[in-house]
Amino acid sequence: MSETNPTTPVLSRTQLSLLLGNPARWIALRELCKETGLPVNELGRRMGMSQNSASKQMTLMLKLGVVTTMYGRLYSLAPAYRSTSGKLEIDFGHCLLRFDRP
């Protein structure tokens, strides 16, 4: 059994369910694992939705602390959730998401 990184914030089951309850947010998380600093219009394109809809999804992810914004309203995965191994994965403490398949 792997140990949780003590600096990784642990989302509650309710928060995690809310975060992962939408397939578009899975896509956004995968894309933010690949690249840092994506604008909402590009995220929306990759998520298959309008910029307005993508912005609403990103607002929820910001409130949960999973993403941050950079200068110019570029979205990035929060540092605590970025993989240091270079793999496409996010460690939520009690849940590990792997995005190694399309």
C-alpha atoms as a PDB file:
ATOM      1  CA  MET A   1       0.000   0.000   0.000  1.00  0.00           C
ATOM      2  CA  SER A   2       1.429   3.386  -0.983  1.00  0.00           C
ATOM      3  CA  GLU A   3       1.621   6.233   1.457  1.00  0.00           C
ATOM      4  CA  THR A   4      -0.106   9.534   0.826  1.00  0.00           C
ATOM      5  CA  ASN A   5       2.174  12.494   0.237  1.00  0.00           C
ATOM      6  CA  PRO A   6       1.635  14.643   3.359  1.00  0.00           C
ATOM      7  CA  THR A   7       1.587  17.809   1.226  1.00  0.00           C
ATOM      8  CA  THR A   8      -1.204  16.508  -1.028  1.00  0.00           C
ATOM      9  CA  PRO A   9      -4.547  17.931   0.050  1.00  0.00           C
ATOM     10  CA  VAL A  10      -7.139  15.202   0.401  1.00  0.00           C
ATOM     11  CA  LEU A  11     -10.546  15.934  -1.065  1.00  0.00           C
ATOM     12  CA  SER A  12     -13.521  14.473   0.748  1.00  0.00           C
ATOM     13  CA  ARG A  13     -15.469  11.695  -0.977  1.00  0.00           C
ATOM     14  CA  THR A  14     -18.225  14.206  -1.706  1.00  0.00           C
ATOM     15  CA  GLN A  15     -15.782  16.667  -3.274  1.00  0.00           C
ATOM     16  CA  LEU A  16     -14.089  13.918  -5.269  1.00  0.00           C
ATOM     17  CA  SER A  17     -17.458  12.640  -6.510  1.00  0.00           C
ATOM     18  CA  LEU A  18     -18.420  16.156  -7.556  1.00  0.00           C
ATOM     19  CA  LEU A  19     -15.099  16.633  -9.348  1.00  0.00           C
ATOM     20  CA  LEU A  20     -15.157  13.309 -11.179  1.00  0.00           C
ATOM     21  CA  GLY A  21     -18.899  13.190 -11.807  1.00  0.00           C
ATOM     22  CA  ASN A  22     -18.610  14.882 -15.186  1.00  0.00           C
ATOM     23  CA  PRO A  23     -16.744  13.331 -18.141  1.00  0.00           C
ATOM     24  CA  ALA A  24     -15.711  16.777 -19.385  1.00  0.00           C
ATOM     25  CA  ARG A  25     -13.816  17.414 -16.145  1.00  0.00           C
ATOM     26  CA  TRP A  26     -11.931  14.124 -16.659  1.00  0.00           C
ATOM     27  CA  ILE A  27     -10.833  15.465 -20.042  1.00  0.00           C
ATOM     28  CA  ALA A  28      -9.812  18.791 -18.506  1.00  0.00           C
ATOM     29  CA  LEU A  29      -7.773  17.029 -15.815  1.00  0.00           C
ATOM     30  CA  ARG A  30      -6.037  14.858 -18.419  1.00  0.00           C
ATOM     31  CA  GLU A  31      -5.217  17.880 -20.574  1.00  0.00           C
ATOM     32  CA  LEU A  32      -3.895  19.820 -17.580  1.00  0.00           C
ATOM     33  CA  CYS A  33      -1.661  16.849 -16.742  1.00  0.00           C
ATOM     34  CA  LYS A  34      -0.162  17.131 -20.227  1.00  0.00           C
ATOM     35  CA  GLU A  35       0.245  20.913 -20.402  1.00  0.00           C
ATOM     36  CA  THR A  36       0.508  23.853 -18.058  1.00  0.00           C
ATOM     37  CA  GLY A  37      -1.224  27.127 -18.726  1.00  0.00           C
ATOM     38  CA  LEU A  38      -4.181  26.405 -20.983  1.00  0.00           C
ATOM     39  CA  PRO A  39      -6.757  29.105 -21.751  1.00  0.00           C
ATOM     40  CA  VAL A  40     -10.427  28.322 -21.174  1.00  0.00           C
ATOM     41  CA  ASN A  41     -11.260  28.480 -24.893  1.00  0.00           C
ATOM     42  CA  GLU A  42      -8.699  25.752 -25.636  1.00  0.00           C
ATOM     43  CA  LEU A  43      -9.888  23.660 -22.700  1.00  0.00           C
ATOM     44  CA  GLY A  44     -13.452  24.064 -23.937  1.00  0.00           C
ATOM     45  CA  ARG A  45     -12.442  22.895 -27.400  1.00  0.00           C
ATOM     46  CA  ARG A  46     -10.720  19.827 -25.957  1.00  0.00           C
ATOM     47  CA  MET A  47     -13.668  19.151 -23.637  1.00  0.00           C
ATOM     48  CA  GLY A  48     -16.130  19.452 -26.516  1.00  0.00           C
ATOM     49  CA  MET A  49     -18.095  22.375 -25.084  1.00  0.00           C
ATOM     50  CA  SER A  50     -18.489  26.120 -25.370  1.00  0.00           C
ATOM     51  CA  GLN A  51     -16.100  28.491 -23.673  1.00  0.00           C
ATOM     52  CA  ASN A  52     -18.879  29.537 -21.265  1.00  0.00           C
ATOM     53  CA  SER A  53     -19.608  25.918 -20.272  1.00  0.00           C
ATOM     54  CA  ALA A  54     -15.898  25.166 -19.891  1.00  0.00           C
ATOM     55  CA  SER A  55     -15.507  28.260 -17.721  1.00  0.00           C
ATOM     56  CA  LYS A  56     -18.225  26.968 -15.381  1.00  0.00           C
ATOM     57  CA  GLN A  57     -16.451  23.612 -15.098  1.00  0.00           C
ATOM     58  CA  MET A  58     -13.133  25.315 -14.370  1.00  0.00           C
ATOM     59  CA  THR A  59     -14.762  27.522 -11.712  1.00  0.00           C
ATOM     60  CA  LEU A  60     -15.862  24.404  -9.844  1.00  0.00           C
ATOM     61  CA  MET A  61     -12.363  22.919 -10.128  1.00  0.00           C
ATOM     62  CA  LEU A  62     -10.892  26.197  -8.825  1.00  0.00           C
ATOM     63  CA  LYS A  63     -13.231  26.124  -5.814  1.00  0.00           C
ATOM     64  CA  LEU A  64     -12.130  22.564  -5.056  1.00  0.00           C
ATOM     65  CA  GLY A  65      -8.495  23.680  -5.240  1.00  0.00           C
ATOM     66  CA  VAL A  66      -7.556  21.206  -7.971  1.00  0.00           C
ATOM     67  CA  VAL A  67      -6.633  23.868 -10.516  1.00  0.00           C
ATOM     68  CA  THR A  68      -5.131  27.322 -10.276  1.00  0.00           C
ATOM     69  CA  THR A  69      -5.022  30.259 -12.619  1.00  0.00           C
ATOM     70  CA  MET A  70      -1.876  31.803 -13.936  1.00  0.00           C
ATOM     71  CA  TYR A  71      -1.282  35.224 -15.416  1.00  0.00           C
ATOM     72  CA  GLY A  72      -3.666  35.834 -18.294  1.00  0.00           C
ATOM     73  CA  ARG A  73      -6.347  33.455 -16.940  1.00  0.00           C
ATOM     74  CA  LEU A  74      -4.427  30.377 -17.974  1.00  0.00           C
ATOM     75  CA  TYR A  75      -5.473  27.264 -16.082  1.00  0.00           C
ATOM     76  CA  SER A  76      -3.017  24.857 -14.548  1.00  0.00           C
ATOM     77  CA  LEU A  77      -3.203  21.814 -12.329  1.00  0.00           C
ATOM     78  CA  ALA A  78      -2.552  22.889  -8.733  1.00  0.00           C
ATOM     79  CA  PRO A  79       1.074  22.196  -7.738  1.00  0.00           C
ATOM     80  CA  ALA A  80       0.026  19.740  -5.015  1.00  0.00           C
ATOM     81  CA  TYR A  81      -1.594  17.517  -7.649  1.00  0.00           C
ATOM     82  CA  ARG A  82       1.087  17.639 -10.344  1.00  0.00           C
ATOM     83  CA  SER A  83       2.911  14.388 -10.931  1.00  0.00           C
ATOM     84  CA  THR A  84       6.633  14.537 -10.285  1.00  0.00           C
ATOM     85  CA  SER A  85       7.168  11.278 -12.179  1.00  0.00           C
ATOM     86  CA  GLY A  86       6.192  12.730 -15.553  1.00  0.00           C
ATOM     87  CA  LYS A  87       3.268  10.308 -15.793  1.00  0.00           C
ATOM     88  CA  LEU A  88      -0.227  11.372 -16.740  1.00  0.00           C
ATOM     89  CA  GLU A  89      -1.695  10.868 -13.299  1.00  0.00           C
ATOM     90  CA  ILE A  90      -3.144  12.773 -10.366  1.00  0.00           C
ATOM     91  CA  ASP A  91      -2.789  11.579  -6.797  1.00  0.00           C
ATOM     92  CA  PHE A  92      -5.728  12.702  -4.676  1.00  0.00           C
ATOM     93  CA  GLY A  93      -4.366  10.977  -1.585  1.00  0.00           C
ATOM     94  CA  HIS A  94      -6.884   8.155  -1.345  1.00  0.00           C
ATOM     95  CA  CYS A  95      -7.523   7.988  -5.102  1.00  0.00           C
ATOM     96  CA  LEU A  96      -5.002   7.843  -7.940  1.00  0.00           C
ATOM     97  CA  LEU A  97      -6.165   8.741 -11.459  1.00  0.00           C
ATOM     98  CA  ARG A  98      -4.087   7.464 -14.352  1.00  0.00           C
ATOM     99  CA  PHE A  99      -4.635   8.956 -17.790  1.00  0.00           C
ATOM    100  CA  ASP A 100      -2.289   6.665 -19.715  1.00  0.00           C
ATOM    101  CA  ARG A 101      -4.945   5.705 -22.233  1.00  0.00           C
ATOM    102  CA  PRO A 102      -6.876   8.021 -24.586  1.00  0.00           C
END
